[in-house]
């Protein structure tokens, strides 16, 4: 992951395949203002919005399909 996620006020985060399965809050985010962990499906559309904090996650690159 390329971004510093310590500041949970950040509203846009690019993630890569290594961050999947994606959940918010992510590791490294401050715990003092966290919400319950929610998994966000972004493999199909390439982006997902957290229903708790409104952070927009966008997938950088493509996901290789594993079967």
C-alpha atoms as a PDB file:
ATOM      1  CA  UNK A   1       0.000   0.000   0.000  1.00  0.00           C
ATOM      2  CA  UNK A   2       1.370   3.391  -0.943  1.00  0.00           C
ATOM      3  CA  UNK A   3      -0.571   5.758   1.309  1.00  0.00           C
ATOM      4  CA  UNK A   4      -0.170   6.743   4.933  1.00  0.00           C
ATOM      5  CA  UNK A   5      -3.410   5.555   6.495  1.00  0.00           C
ATOM      6  CA  UNK A   6      -2.747   6.856  10.005  1.00  0.00           C
ATOM      7  CA  UNK A   7      -5.062   9.796   9.364  1.00  0.00           C
ATOM      8  CA  UNK A   8      -8.602   8.452   9.132  1.00  0.00           C
ATOM      9  CA  UNK A   9      -9.875  11.813   7.865  1.00  0.00           C
ATOM     10  CA  UNK A  10      -8.557  10.889   4.434  1.00  0.00           C
ATOM     11  CA  UNK A  11     -11.584  10.372   2.183  1.00  0.00           C
ATOM     12  CA  UNK A  12      -9.956   8.782  -0.891  1.00  0.00           C
ATOM     13  CA  UNK A  13      -7.621   5.806  -0.783  1.00  0.00           C
ATOM     14  CA  UNK A  14      -6.117   3.861  -3.676  1.00  0.00           C
ATOM     15  CA  UNK A  15      -5.639   0.181  -2.936  1.00  0.00           C
ATOM     16  CA  UNK A  16      -3.984  -2.667  -4.814  1.00  0.00           C
ATOM     17  CA  UNK A  17      -4.687  -6.357  -5.179  1.00  0.00           C
ATOM     18  CA  UNK A  18      -2.462  -6.988  -2.143  1.00  0.00           C
ATOM     19  CA  UNK A  19      -5.027  -5.138   0.028  1.00  0.00           C
ATOM     20  CA  UNK A  20      -7.829  -7.571  -0.880  1.00  0.00           C
ATOM     21  CA  UNK A  21     -10.123  -8.604   0.645  1.00  0.00           C
ATOM     22  CA  UNK A  22     -10.688  -4.943   1.428  1.00  0.00           C
ATOM     23  CA  UNK A  23     -12.130  -3.825   4.716  1.00  0.00           C
ATOM     24  CA  UNK A  24     -12.597  -0.480   6.412  1.00  0.00           C
ATOM     25  CA  UNK A  25     -11.076   0.641   8.682  1.00  0.00           C
ATOM     26  CA  UNK A  26      -7.778  -0.588   7.270  1.00  0.00           C
ATOM     27  CA  UNK A  27      -4.713  -1.559   9.297  1.00  0.00           C
ATOM     28  CA  UNK A  28      -2.822   1.535  10.330  1.00  0.00           C
ATOM     29  CA  UNK A  29      -5.891   3.743  10.739  1.00  0.00           C
ATOM     30  CA  UNK A  30      -6.382   5.409  14.108  1.00  0.00           C
ATOM     31  CA  UNK A  31      -8.436   3.314  16.483  1.00  0.00           C
ATOM     32  CA  UNK A  32      -9.817   6.171  18.567  1.00  0.00           C
ATOM     33  CA  UNK A  33     -12.463   7.035  15.977  1.00  0.00           C
ATOM     34  CA  UNK A  34     -12.936   3.670  14.278  1.00  0.00           C
ATOM     35  CA  UNK A  35     -16.218   2.126  13.264  1.00  0.00           C
ATOM     36  CA  UNK A  36     -17.066  -1.595  13.036  1.00  0.00           C
ATOM     37  CA  UNK A  37     -15.064  -3.465  10.394  1.00  0.00           C
ATOM     38  CA  UNK A  38     -16.958  -3.791   7.134  1.00  0.00           C
ATOM     39  CA  UNK A  39     -15.741  -5.684   4.068  1.00  0.00           C
ATOM     40  CA  UNK A  40     -16.081  -3.759   0.808  1.00  0.00           C
ATOM     41  CA  UNK A  41     -16.439  -5.517  -2.565  1.00  0.00           C
ATOM     42  CA  UNK A  42     -14.601  -3.529  -5.193  1.00  0.00           C
ATOM     43  CA  UNK A  43     -13.432  -6.234  -7.584  1.00  0.00           C
ATOM     44  CA  UNK A  44     -16.324  -5.736 -10.046  1.00  0.00           C
ATOM     45  CA  UNK A  45     -16.640  -1.939 -10.232  1.00  0.00           C
ATOM     46  CA  UNK A  46     -13.106  -1.015  -9.202  1.00  0.00           C
ATOM     47  CA  UNK A  47     -14.294   1.197  -6.361  1.00  0.00           C
ATOM     48  CA  UNK A  48     -16.336   1.033  -3.168  1.00  0.00           C
ATOM     49  CA  UNK A  49     -17.672   3.523  -0.654  1.00  0.00           C
ATOM     50  CA  UNK A  50     -17.573   2.760   3.064  1.00  0.00           C
ATOM     51  CA  UNK A  51     -21.119   3.039   4.444  1.00  0.00           C
ATOM     52  CA  UNK A  52     -19.823   4.136   7.867  1.00  0.00           C
ATOM     53  CA  UNK A  53     -17.240   6.838   7.193  1.00  0.00           C
ATOM     54  CA  UNK A  54     -17.734   7.637   3.514  1.00  0.00           C
ATOM     55  CA  UNK A  55     -14.161   6.856   2.486  1.00  0.00           C
ATOM     56  CA  UNK A  56     -13.929   6.051  -1.214  1.00  0.00           C
ATOM     57  CA  UNK A  57     -11.604   3.186  -2.080  1.00  0.00           C
ATOM     58  CA  UNK A  58     -10.391   2.793  -5.662  1.00  0.00           C
ATOM     59  CA  UNK A  59      -8.563  -0.211  -7.008  1.00  0.00           C
ATOM     60  CA  UNK A  60      -5.249   0.615  -8.654  1.00  0.00           C
ATOM     61  CA  UNK A  61      -4.505  -1.939 -11.363  1.00  0.00           C
ATOM     62  CA  UNK A  62      -6.432  -5.108 -12.034  1.00  0.00           C
ATOM     63  CA  UNK A  63      -7.351  -8.138  -9.983  1.00  0.00           C
ATOM     64  CA  UNK A  64      -6.082 -11.468 -11.200  1.00  0.00           C
ATOM     65  CA  UNK A  65      -8.834 -14.042 -11.001  1.00  0.00           C
ATOM     66  CA  UNK A  66      -7.955 -17.085  -8.896  1.00  0.00           C
ATOM     67  CA  UNK A  67      -9.953 -20.283  -9.415  1.00  0.00           C
END
